[in-house]
PDB file of N, CA and C in Angstrom:
ATOM      1  N   MET A   1     -34.149 -39.288 -27.589  1.00  0.00           N
ATOM      2  CA  MET A   1     -33.062 -37.979 -27.818  1.00  0.00           C
ATOM      3  C   MET A   1     -34.075 -37.129 -26.640  1.00  0.00           C
ATOM      4  N   ILE A   2     -33.232 -36.804 -26.044  1.00  0.00           N
ATOM      5  CA  ILE A   2     -33.521 -35.777 -24.823  1.00  0.00           C
ATOM      6  C   ILE A   2     -34.038 -34.570 -25.129  1.00  0.00           C
ATOM      7  N   PRO A   3     -35.194 -34.101 -24.832  1.00  0.00           N
ATOM      8  CA  PRO A   3     -35.518 -32.701 -24.917  1.00  0.00           C
ATOM      9  C   PRO A   3     -34.600 -31.791 -24.719  1.00  0.00           C
ATOM     10  N   MET A   4     -34.888 -30.607 -25.644  1.00  0.00           N
ATOM     11  CA  MET A   4     -33.829 -29.423 -25.285  1.00  0.00           C
ATOM     12  C   MET A   4     -34.282 -28.917 -23.911  1.00  0.00           C
ATOM     13  N   GLU A   5     -35.288 -28.941 -23.331  1.00  0.00           N
ATOM     14  CA  GLU A   5     -35.863 -28.409 -22.213  1.00  0.00           C
ATOM     15  C   GLU A   5     -35.124 -28.789 -20.926  1.00  0.00           C
ATOM     16  N   HIS A   6     -34.930 -29.948 -21.101  1.00  0.00           N
ATOM     17  CA  HIS A   6     -33.861 -31.049 -19.845  1.00  0.00           C
ATOM     18  C   HIS A   6     -32.511 -30.321 -19.664  1.00  0.00           C
ATOM     19  N   TYR A   7     -31.880 -30.332 -21.326  1.00  0.00           N
ATOM     20  CA  TYR A   7     -30.264 -29.643 -21.123  1.00  0.00           C
ATOM     21  C   TYR A   7     -30.644 -28.122 -20.438  1.00  0.00           C
ATOM     22  N   LEU A   8     -31.693 -27.380 -20.901  1.00  0.00           N
ATOM     23  CA  LEU A   8     -31.670 -25.762 -20.509  1.00  0.00           C
ATOM     24  C   LEU A   8     -32.004 -25.899 -18.671  1.00  0.00           C
ATOM     25  N   ILE A   9     -32.763 -26.989 -18.308  1.00  0.00           N
ATOM     26  CA  ILE A   9     -32.856 -26.616 -16.842  1.00  0.00           C
ATOM     27  C   ILE A   9     -31.222 -26.935 -16.249  1.00  0.00           C
ATOM     28  N   VAL A  10     -30.993 -27.786 -16.493  1.00  0.00           N
ATOM     29  CA  VAL A  10     -29.596 -28.121 -15.723  1.00  0.00           C
ATOM     30  C   VAL A  10     -28.808 -27.336 -16.183  1.00  0.00           C
ATOM     31  N   SER A  11     -28.527 -26.491 -17.403  1.00  0.00           N
ATOM     32  CA  SER A  11     -27.243 -25.220 -17.228  1.00  0.00           C
ATOM     33  C   SER A  11     -28.260 -24.262 -16.332  1.00  0.00           C
ATOM     34  N   THR A  12     -29.244 -24.262 -16.425  1.00  0.00           N
ATOM     35  CA  THR A  12     -29.936 -22.882 -15.442  1.00  0.00           C
ATOM     36  C   THR A  12     -29.308 -23.500 -14.375  1.00  0.00           C
ATOM     37  N   LEU A  13     -29.817 -24.470 -13.822  1.00  0.00           N
ATOM     38  CA  LEU A  13     -29.251 -24.930 -12.151  1.00  0.00           C
ATOM     39  C   LEU A  13     -27.898 -24.580 -12.306  1.00  0.00           C
ATOM     40  N   MET A  14     -27.135 -25.163 -12.757  1.00  0.00           N
ATOM     41  CA  MET A  14     -25.450 -24.862 -12.761  1.00  0.00           C
ATOM     42  C   MET A  14     -25.225 -23.080 -12.896  1.00  0.00           C
ATOM     43  N   PHE A  15     -25.958 -22.584 -13.520  1.00  0.00           N
ATOM     44  CA  PHE A  15     -25.494 -21.164 -13.751  1.00  0.00           C
ATOM     45  C   PHE A  15     -25.843 -20.476 -12.295  1.00  0.00           C
ATOM     46  N   PHE A  16     -27.105 -20.669 -11.889  1.00  0.00           N
ATOM     47  CA  PHE A  16     -27.412 -20.072 -10.476  1.00  0.00           C
ATOM     48  C   PHE A  16     -26.699 -20.444  -9.298  1.00  0.00           C
ATOM     49  N   ILE A  17     -26.328 -21.714  -9.633  1.00  0.00           N
ATOM     50  CA  ILE A  17     -25.664 -22.498  -8.351  1.00  0.00           C
ATOM     51  C   ILE A  17     -24.369 -21.798  -8.105  1.00  0.00           C
ATOM     52  N   GLY A  18     -23.640 -21.206  -9.460  1.00  0.00           N
ATOM     53  CA  GLY A  18     -22.506 -20.889  -9.607  1.00  0.00           C
ATOM     54  C   GLY A  18     -22.599 -19.426  -9.152  1.00  0.00           C
ATOM     55  N   ILE A  19     -23.418 -18.635  -9.489  1.00  0.00           N
ATOM     56  CA  ILE A  19     -23.652 -17.288  -9.137  1.00  0.00           C
ATOM     57  C   ILE A  19     -23.633 -17.312  -7.755  1.00  0.00           C
ATOM     58  N   TYR A  20     -24.910 -17.779  -7.141  1.00  0.00           N
ATOM     59  CA  TYR A  20     -24.681 -17.926  -5.653  1.00  0.00           C
ATOM     60  C   TYR A  20     -23.390 -18.490  -4.848  1.00  0.00           C
ATOM     61  N   GLY A  21     -22.842 -19.333  -5.336  1.00  0.00           N
ATOM     62  CA  GLY A  21     -21.990 -19.645  -4.851  1.00  0.00           C
ATOM     63  C   GLY A  21     -20.715 -18.424  -5.006  1.00  0.00           C
ATOM     64  N   PHE A  22     -20.556 -17.619  -5.861  1.00  0.00           N
ATOM     65  CA  PHE A  22     -19.545 -16.694  -6.131  1.00  0.00           C
ATOM     66  C   PHE A  22     -19.776 -15.422  -5.409  1.00  0.00           C
ATOM     67  N   ILE A  23     -21.238 -15.146  -5.227  1.00  0.00           N
ATOM     68  CA  ILE A  23     -21.643 -14.274  -4.211  1.00  0.00           C
ATOM     69  C   ILE A  23     -21.574 -14.737  -2.696  1.00  0.00           C
ATOM     70  N   THR A  24     -21.704 -15.671  -2.226  1.00  0.00           N
ATOM     71  CA  THR A  24     -21.884 -15.873  -0.776  1.00  0.00           C
ATOM     72  C   THR A  24     -20.448 -16.565  -0.474  1.00  0.00           C
ATOM     73  N   ARG A  25     -19.680 -16.874  -1.349  1.00  0.00           N
ATOM     74  CA  ARG A  25     -18.435 -17.499  -0.526  1.00  0.00           C
ATOM     75  C   ARG A  25     -17.068 -16.593  -0.326  1.00  0.00           C
ATOM     76  N   LYS A  26     -16.331 -16.734   0.692  1.00  0.00           N
ATOM     77  CA  LYS A  26     -15.201 -15.649   0.809  1.00  0.00           C
ATOM     78  C   LYS A  26     -14.124 -16.137   0.675  1.00  0.00           C
ATOM     79  N   ASN A  27     -13.937 -17.584   0.186  1.00  0.00           N
ATOM     80  CA  ASN A  27     -12.552 -18.165  -0.147  1.00  0.00           C
ATOM     81  C   ASN A  27     -12.519 -18.094  -1.759  1.00  0.00           C
ATOM     82  N   MET A  28     -11.164 -17.435  -1.955  1.00  0.00           N
ATOM     83  CA  MET A  28     -11.153 -17.158  -3.475  1.00  0.00           C
ATOM     84  C   MET A  28     -10.965 -18.618  -4.487  1.00  0.00           C
ATOM     85  N   ILE A  29     -10.372 -19.536  -3.929  1.00  0.00           N
ATOM     86  CA  ILE A  29     -10.592 -21.250  -4.572  1.00  0.00           C
ATOM     87  C   ILE A  29     -12.311 -21.463  -4.739  1.00  0.00           C
ATOM     88  N   ALA A  30     -13.197 -21.201  -3.766  1.00  0.00           N
ATOM     89  CA  ALA A  30     -14.401 -21.410  -4.164  1.00  0.00           C
ATOM     90  C   ALA A  30     -15.033 -20.696  -5.184  1.00  0.00           C
ATOM     91  N   MET A  31     -14.679 -19.254  -4.829  1.00  0.00           N
ATOM     92  CA  MET A  31     -15.270 -18.438  -5.843  1.00  0.00           C
ATOM     93  C   MET A  31     -14.787 -18.696  -7.326  1.00  0.00           C
ATOM     94  N   LEU A  32     -13.695 -19.445  -7.374  1.00  0.00           N
ATOM     95  CA  LEU A  32     -12.975 -19.967  -8.816  1.00  0.00           C
ATOM     96  C   LEU A  32     -13.826 -20.720  -9.357  1.00  0.00           C
ATOM     97  N   ILE A  33     -14.244 -21.674  -8.375  1.00  0.00           N
ATOM     98  CA  ILE A  33     -14.835 -23.014  -8.796  1.00  0.00           C
ATOM     99  C   ILE A  33     -16.299 -22.700  -9.155  1.00  0.00           C
ATOM    100  N   SER A  34     -16.761 -21.775  -8.396  1.00  0.00           N
ATOM    101  CA  SER A  34     -18.208 -21.125  -8.780  1.00  0.00           C
ATOM    102  C   SER A  34     -18.174 -20.437 -10.013  1.00  0.00           C
ATOM    103  N   LEU A  35     -17.407 -19.644 -10.415  1.00  0.00           N
ATOM    104  CA  LEU A  35     -17.241 -19.363 -11.561  1.00  0.00           C
ATOM    105  C   LEU A  35     -16.828 -20.101 -12.987  1.00  0.00           C
ATOM    106  N   GLU A  36     -16.312 -21.076 -12.668  1.00  0.00           N
ATOM    107  CA  GLU A  36     -16.074 -22.205 -13.473  1.00  0.00           C
ATOM    108  C   GLU A  36     -17.620 -23.025 -13.917  1.00  0.00           C
ATOM    109  N   LEU A  37     -17.963 -23.175 -12.741  1.00  0.00           N
ATOM    110  CA  LEU A  37     -19.596 -23.843 -13.146  1.00  0.00           C
ATOM    111  C   LEU A  37     -20.583 -22.597 -13.893  1.00  0.00           C
ATOM    112  N   VAL A  38     -20.095 -21.663 -13.759  1.00  0.00           N
ATOM    113  CA  VAL A  38     -21.005 -20.337 -14.533  1.00  0.00           C
ATOM    114  C   VAL A  38     -20.682 -20.442 -16.052  1.00  0.00           C
ATOM    115  N   ILE A  39     -19.321 -20.703 -16.160  1.00  0.00           N
ATOM    116  CA  ILE A  39     -18.689 -20.705 -17.495  1.00  0.00           C
ATOM    117  C   ILE A  39     -19.108 -22.327 -18.266  1.00  0.00           C
ATOM    118  N   ASN A  40     -19.198 -23.225 -17.386  1.00  0.00           N
ATOM    119  CA  ASN A  40     -19.627 -24.383 -17.938  1.00  0.00           C
ATOM    120  C   ASN A  40     -21.113 -24.579 -18.125  1.00  0.00           C
ATOM    121  N   ALA A  41     -21.988 -23.733 -17.566  1.00  0.00           N
ATOM    122  CA  ALA A  41     -23.288 -23.536 -17.816  1.00  0.00           C
ATOM    123  C   ALA A  41     -23.577 -22.864 -19.394  1.00  0.00           C
ATOM    124  N   VAL A  42     -22.561 -22.323 -19.565  1.00  0.00           N
ATOM    125  CA  VAL A  42     -22.632 -21.735 -20.978  1.00  0.00           C
ATOM    126  C   VAL A  42     -22.201 -22.183 -21.714  1.00  0.00           C
ATOM    127  N   ASP A  43     -21.069 -22.973 -21.713  1.00  0.00           N
ATOM    128  CA  ASP A  43     -20.519 -23.953 -22.774  1.00  0.00           C
ATOM    129  C   ASP A  43     -21.944 -25.247 -23.033  1.00  0.00           C
ATOM    130  N   ILE A  44     -22.434 -25.503 -22.192  1.00  0.00           N
ATOM    131  CA  ILE A  44     -23.620 -26.459 -22.261  1.00  0.00           C
ATOM    132  C   ILE A  44     -24.612 -25.769 -23.301  1.00  0.00           C
ATOM    133  N   ASN A  45     -24.772 -24.448 -23.063  1.00  0.00           N
ATOM    134  CA  ASN A  45     -25.936 -23.925 -23.597  1.00  0.00           C
ATOM    135  C   ASN A  45     -25.078 -23.376 -25.184  1.00  0.00           C
ATOM    136  N   PHE A  46     -24.039 -23.581 -25.229  1.00  0.00           N
ATOM    137  CA  PHE A  46     -23.417 -23.484 -26.752  1.00  0.00           C
ATOM    138  C   PHE A  46     -23.635 -24.615 -27.636  1.00  0.00           C
ATOM    139  N   ILE A  47     -23.564 -25.690 -26.842  1.00  0.00           N
ATOM    140  CA  ILE A  47     -23.341 -27.114 -27.607  1.00  0.00           C
ATOM    141  C   ILE A  47     -25.085 -27.387 -27.787  1.00  0.00           C
ATOM    142  N   VAL A  48     -26.157 -27.450 -26.711  1.00  0.00           N
ATOM    143  CA  VAL A  48     -27.607 -27.651 -27.061  1.00  0.00           C
ATOM    144  C   VAL A  48     -28.091 -26.694 -28.124  1.00  0.00           C
ATOM    145  N   PHE A  49     -27.486 -25.504 -27.935  1.00  0.00           N
ATOM    146  CA  PHE A  49     -28.204 -24.637 -29.405  1.00  0.00           C
ATOM    147  C   PHE A  49     -27.815 -25.382 -30.530  1.00  0.00           C
ATOM    148  N   ASN A  50     -26.580 -25.262 -30.818  1.00  0.00           N
ATOM    149  CA  ASN A  50     -25.965 -25.818 -31.907  1.00  0.00           C
ATOM    150  C   ASN A  50     -26.559 -27.024 -32.145  1.00  0.00           C
ATOM    151  N   ARG A  51     -26.884 -28.072 -31.749  1.00  0.00           N
ATOM    152  CA  ARG A  51     -27.456 -29.163 -31.539  1.00  0.00           C
ATOM    153  C   ARG A  51     -28.722 -29.027 -32.225  1.00  0.00           C
ATOM    154  N   TYR A  52     -29.395 -28.175 -31.343  1.00  0.00           N
ATOM    155  CA  TYR A  52     -30.816 -28.448 -31.979  1.00  0.00           C
ATOM    156  C   TYR A  52     -31.107 -27.180 -33.006  1.00  0.00           C
ATOM    157  N   LEU A  53     -30.713 -26.400 -33.057  1.00  0.00           N
ATOM    158  CA  LEU A  53     -31.018 -25.382 -34.303  1.00  0.00           C
ATOM    159  C   LEU A  53     -29.893 -25.357 -35.397  1.00  0.00           C
ATOM    160  N   PHE A  54     -29.058 -25.927 -35.409  1.00  0.00           N
ATOM    161  CA  PHE A  54     -28.010 -26.153 -36.774  1.00  0.00           C
ATOM    162  C   PHE A  54     -27.085 -27.807 -36.319  1.00  0.00           C
ATOM    163  N   PRO A  55     -27.988 -29.087 -36.608  1.00  0.00           N
ATOM    164  CA  PRO A  55     -27.366 -29.912 -36.178  1.00  0.00           C
ATOM    165  C   PRO A  55     -26.296 -30.428 -37.143  1.00  0.00           C
ATOM    166  N   GLY A  56     -26.423 -30.051 -38.263  1.00  0.00           N
ATOM    167  CA  GLY A  56     -25.239 -30.583 -38.993  1.00  0.00           C
ATOM    168  C   GLY A  56     -23.941 -29.549 -39.211  1.00  0.00           C
ATOM    169  N   GLN A  57     -24.048 -28.585 -38.331  1.00  0.00           N
ATOM    170  CA  GLN A  57     -23.023 -27.612 -38.554  1.00  0.00           C
ATOM    171  C   GLN A  57     -22.149 -27.918 -37.050  1.00  0.00           C
ATOM    172  N   LEU A  58     -21.364 -27.125 -36.742  1.00  0.00           N
ATOM    173  CA  LEU A  58     -20.287 -27.447 -35.926  1.00  0.00           C
ATOM    174  C   LEU A  58     -19.767 -25.844 -35.147  1.00  0.00           C
ATOM    175  N   GLU A  59     -20.625 -24.921 -35.540  1.00  0.00           N
ATOM    176  CA  GLU A  59     -20.001 -23.723 -34.689  1.00  0.00           C
ATOM    177  C   GLU A  59     -19.913 -23.823 -33.350  1.00  0.00           C
ATOM    178  N   GLY A  60     -20.982 -24.191 -32.650  1.00  0.00           N
ATOM    179  CA  GLY A  60     -21.665 -24.231 -31.014  1.00  0.00           C
ATOM    180  C   GLY A  60     -20.341 -25.168 -30.757  1.00  0.00           C
ATOM    181  N   MET A  61     -19.671 -25.820 -31.095  1.00  0.00           N
ATOM    182  CA  MET A  61     -18.601 -27.115 -30.844  1.00  0.00           C
ATOM    183  C   MET A  61     -17.507 -25.952 -30.720  1.00  0.00           C
ATOM    184  N   PHE A  62     -17.227 -25.242 -31.960  1.00  0.00           N
ATOM    185  CA  PHE A  62     -15.913 -24.485 -31.479  1.00  0.00           C
ATOM    186  C   PHE A  62     -15.824 -23.524 -30.482  1.00  0.00           C
ATOM    187  N   PHE A  63     -16.959 -22.739 -30.482  1.00  0.00           N
ATOM    188  CA  PHE A  63     -17.081 -21.786 -29.526  1.00  0.00           C
ATOM    189  C   PHE A  63     -16.920 -22.307 -28.044  1.00  0.00           C
ATOM    190  N   THR A  64     -17.466 -23.499 -27.969  1.00  0.00           N
ATOM    191  CA  THR A  64     -17.460 -24.531 -26.483  1.00  0.00           C
ATOM    192  C   THR A  64     -15.504 -24.709 -26.439  1.00  0.00           C
ATOM    193  N   LEU A  65     -15.035 -25.172 -27.213  1.00  0.00           N
ATOM    194  CA  LEU A  65     -13.707 -25.278 -27.300  1.00  0.00           C
ATOM    195  C   LEU A  65     -12.976 -24.092 -27.000  1.00  0.00           C
ATOM    196  N   PHE A  66     -13.306 -22.936 -28.032  1.00  0.00           N
ATOM    197  CA  PHE A  66     -12.845 -21.605 -27.555  1.00  0.00           C
ATOM    198  C   PHE A  66     -12.797 -21.194 -26.194  1.00  0.00           C
ATOM    199  N   SER A  67     -14.022 -21.688 -25.800  1.00  0.00           N
ATOM    200  CA  SER A  67     -14.392 -21.145 -24.265  1.00  0.00           C
ATOM    201  C   SER A  67     -13.469 -21.796 -23.257  1.00  0.00           C
ATOM    202  N   ILE A  68     -13.571 -23.173 -23.761  1.00  0.00           N
ATOM    203  CA  ILE A  68     -12.726 -24.236 -22.685  1.00  0.00           C
ATOM    204  C   ILE A  68     -11.065 -23.726 -22.561  1.00  0.00           C
ATOM    205  N   ALA A  69     -10.833 -23.548 -23.681  1.00  0.00           N
ATOM    206  CA  ALA A  69      -9.113 -22.552 -23.893  1.00  0.00           C
ATOM    207  C   ALA A  69      -8.889 -21.535 -23.327  1.00  0.00           C
ATOM    208  N   ILE A  70      -9.932 -20.638 -23.249  1.00  0.00           N
ATOM    209  CA  ILE A  70     -10.018 -19.334 -22.562  1.00  0.00           C
ATOM    210  C   ILE A  70     -10.051 -19.657 -20.809  1.00  0.00           C
ATOM    211  N   THR A  71     -10.889 -20.326 -20.459  1.00  0.00           N
ATOM    212  CA  THR A  71     -11.458 -20.914 -19.147  1.00  0.00           C
ATOM    213  C   THR A  71      -9.974 -21.047 -18.535  1.00  0.00           C
ATOM    214  N   ALA A  72      -9.387 -22.039 -19.173  1.00  0.00           N
ATOM    215  CA  ALA A  72      -7.989 -22.885 -18.921  1.00  0.00           C
ATOM    216  C   ALA A  72      -7.143 -21.923 -18.569  1.00  0.00           C
ATOM    217  N   ALA A  73      -6.844 -20.885 -19.533  1.00  0.00           N
ATOM    218  CA  ALA A  73      -5.957 -19.804 -19.307  1.00  0.00           C
ATOM    219  C   ALA A  73      -6.487 -19.182 -17.958  1.00  0.00           C
ATOM    220  N   GLU A  74      -7.537 -18.685 -17.764  1.00  0.00           N
ATOM    221  CA  GLU A  74      -8.088 -17.828 -16.728  1.00  0.00           C
ATOM    222  C   GLU A  74      -7.977 -18.434 -15.271  1.00  0.00           C
ATOM    223  N   THR A  75      -8.116 -19.808 -15.250  1.00  0.00           N
ATOM    224  CA  THR A  75      -7.659 -20.581 -14.040  1.00  0.00           C
ATOM    225  C   THR A  75      -6.364 -20.647 -14.016  1.00  0.00           C
ATOM    226  N   THR A  76      -5.614 -20.982 -14.768  1.00  0.00           N
ATOM    227  CA  THR A  76      -3.927 -20.821 -14.589  1.00  0.00           C
ATOM    228  C   THR A  76      -3.624 -19.304 -14.073  1.00  0.00           C
ATOM    229  N   VAL A  77      -4.261 -18.329 -14.415  1.00  0.00           N
ATOM    230  CA  VAL A  77      -3.637 -16.682 -13.977  1.00  0.00           C
ATOM    231  C   VAL A  77      -4.409 -16.854 -12.808  1.00  0.00           C
ATOM    232  N   ALA A  78      -5.698 -17.055 -12.483  1.00  0.00           N
ATOM    233  CA  ALA A  78      -6.248 -16.869 -11.324  1.00  0.00           C
ATOM    234  C   ALA A  78      -5.595 -17.972  -9.893  1.00  0.00           C
ATOM    235  N   LEU A  79      -5.109 -19.351 -10.226  1.00  0.00           N
ATOM    236  CA  LEU A  79      -4.523 -20.027  -9.353  1.00  0.00           C
ATOM    237  C   LEU A  79      -3.072 -19.242  -9.148  1.00  0.00           C
ATOM    238  N   ALA A  80      -2.657 -18.564 -10.000  1.00  0.00           N
ATOM    239  CA  ALA A  80      -1.252 -17.780  -9.607  1.00  0.00           C
ATOM    240  C   ALA A  80      -1.514 -16.653  -8.653  1.00  0.00           C
ATOM    241  N   ILE A  81      -2.489 -16.464  -8.927  1.00  0.00           N
ATOM    242  CA  ILE A  81      -2.430 -14.767  -8.346  1.00  0.00           C
ATOM    243  C   ILE A  81      -2.913 -15.673  -6.550  1.00  0.00           C
ATOM    244  N   ILE A  82      -3.721 -16.507  -6.735  1.00  0.00           N
ATOM    245  CA  ILE A  82      -4.346 -17.226  -5.300  1.00  0.00           C
ATOM    246  C   ILE A  82      -3.095 -17.706  -4.660  1.00  0.00           C
ATOM    247  N   ILE A  83      -2.433 -18.308  -5.357  1.00  0.00           N
ATOM    248  CA  ILE A  83      -0.933 -18.892  -4.414  1.00  0.00           C
ATOM    249  C   ILE A  83      -0.173 -17.445  -4.065  1.00  0.00           C
ATOM    250  N   ASN A  84       0.236 -16.749  -5.091  1.00  0.00           N
ATOM    251  CA  ASN A  84       0.822 -15.589  -4.245  1.00  0.00           C
ATOM    252  C   ASN A  84       0.184 -14.762  -2.934  1.00  0.00           C
ATOM    253  N   VAL A  85      -1.265 -15.050  -3.243  1.00  0.00           N
ATOM    254  CA  VAL A  85      -1.792 -14.271  -1.924  1.00  0.00           C
ATOM    255  C   VAL A  85      -1.723 -15.030  -0.699  1.00  0.00           C
ATOM    256  N   TYR A  86      -1.769 -16.334  -1.044  1.00  0.00           N
ATOM    257  CA  TYR A  86      -1.534 -17.457   0.375  1.00  0.00           C
ATOM    258  C   TYR A  86      -0.354 -17.180   0.595  1.00  0.00           C
ATOM    259  N   ARG A  87       0.697 -16.845  -0.270  1.00  0.00           N
ATOM    260  CA  ARG A  87       2.066 -16.631   0.040  1.00  0.00           C
ATOM    261  C   ARG A  87       2.666 -15.601   1.128  1.00  0.00           C
ATOM    262  N   LYS A  88       1.748 -14.586   0.604  1.00  0.00           N
ATOM    263  CA  LYS A  88       2.003 -13.168   1.302  1.00  0.00           C
ATOM    264  C   LYS A  88       1.045 -13.275   2.598  1.00  0.00           C
ATOM    265  N   ILE A  89      -0.295 -13.360   2.517  1.00  0.00           N
ATOM    266  CA  ILE A  89      -1.003 -13.601   3.567  1.00  0.00           C
ATOM    267  C   ILE A  89      -1.019 -14.545   4.730  1.00  0.00           C
ATOM    268  N   GLY A  90      -1.139 -15.624   3.851  1.00  0.00           N
ATOM    269  CA  GLY A  90      -1.184 -16.746   5.129  1.00  0.00           C
ATOM    270  C   GLY A  90      -2.606 -17.731   4.684  1.00  0.00           C
ATOM    271  N   ASN A  91      -3.591 -16.876   3.976  1.00  0.00           N
ATOM    272  CA  ASN A  91      -4.961 -17.423   3.810  1.00  0.00           C
ATOM    273  C   ASN A  91      -5.353 -17.056   2.434  1.00  0.00           C
ATOM    274  N   VAL A  92      -6.508 -17.545   2.038  1.00  0.00           N
ATOM    275  CA  VAL A  92      -7.242 -17.251   0.588  1.00  0.00           C
ATOM    276  C   VAL A  92      -8.432 -16.156   1.026  1.00  0.00           C
ATOM    277  N   ASN A  93      -8.994 -15.892   1.830  1.00  0.00           N
ATOM    278  CA  ASN A  93     -10.084 -15.110   2.172  1.00  0.00           C
ATOM    279  C   ASN A  93      -9.918 -14.111   1.336  1.00  0.00           C
ATOM    280  N   VAL A  94     -11.157 -13.671   0.963  1.00  0.00           N
ATOM    281  CA  VAL A  94     -11.474 -12.606   0.311  1.00  0.00           C
ATOM    282  C   VAL A  94     -11.020 -11.137   1.192  1.00  0.00           C
ATOM    283  N   GLY A  95     -11.893 -11.198   2.243  1.00  0.00           N
ATOM    284  CA  GLY A  95     -11.633 -10.072   3.202  1.00  0.00           C
ATOM    285  C   GLY A  95     -10.312  -9.834   3.651  1.00  0.00           C
ATOM    286  N   ASN A  96      -9.641 -10.693   3.641  1.00  0.00           N
ATOM    287  CA  ASN A  96      -7.977 -10.277   4.037  1.00  0.00           C
ATOM    288  C   ASN A  96      -7.117  -9.550   2.630  1.00  0.00           C
ATOM    289  N   ILE A  97      -7.551  -9.227   1.751  1.00  0.00           N
ATOM    290  CA  ILE A  97      -6.897  -9.044   0.407  1.00  0.00           C
ATOM    291  C   ILE A  97      -6.110  -7.330   0.856  1.00  0.00           C
ATOM    292  N   ASN A  98      -7.213  -6.742   1.831  1.00  0.00           N
ATOM    293  CA  ASN A  98      -6.591  -5.553   1.816  1.00  0.00           C
ATOM    294  C   ASN A  98      -5.118  -5.374   2.641  1.00  0.00           C
ATOM    295  N   LYS A  99      -4.993  -6.509   3.273  1.00  0.00           N
ATOM    296  CA  LYS A  99      -3.635  -6.500   3.822  1.00  0.00           C
ATOM    297  C   LYS A  99      -2.352  -6.193   3.021  1.00  0.00           C
ATOM    298  N   MET A 100      -2.568  -6.744   1.787  1.00  0.00           N
ATOM    299  CA  MET A 100      -1.467  -6.596   0.545  1.00  0.00           C
ATOM    300  C   MET A 100      -1.313  -5.094   0.250  1.00  0.00           C
ATOM    301  N   LYS A 101      -2.094  -4.132   0.704  1.00  0.00           N
ATOM    302  CA  LYS A 101      -1.673  -3.012   0.369  1.00  0.00           C
ATOM    303  C   LYS A 101      -0.556  -2.255   1.083  1.00  0.00           C
ATOM    304  N   ASN A 102      -0.087  -2.953   2.009  1.00  0.00           N
ATOM    305  CA  ASN A 102       1.252  -2.336   2.531  1.00  0.00           C
ATOM    306  C   ASN A 102       2.429  -2.393   1.840  1.00  0.00           C
TER     307      ASN A 102
END
């Protein structure tokens, strides 16, 4: 059995890579992917802590499934916004959003 620390190391790396990507990227799609990385790191933590603290119960799995459903809805809305921004401006860089005020 793989120790819990290994899962937590992977989850921590994913979380901080996602935060770094979200802060440093200018492209909205890259920022969305970074946000997905952060949410997936949280999902890994839900499953790992459920597995090691309450091995016979499925609360962590249900939280993860709920989180995946929320993430799918969030991604759909974000992509719709990104597509509308692209149609209006012609690119999806965050710095050009001020052009939409007109």
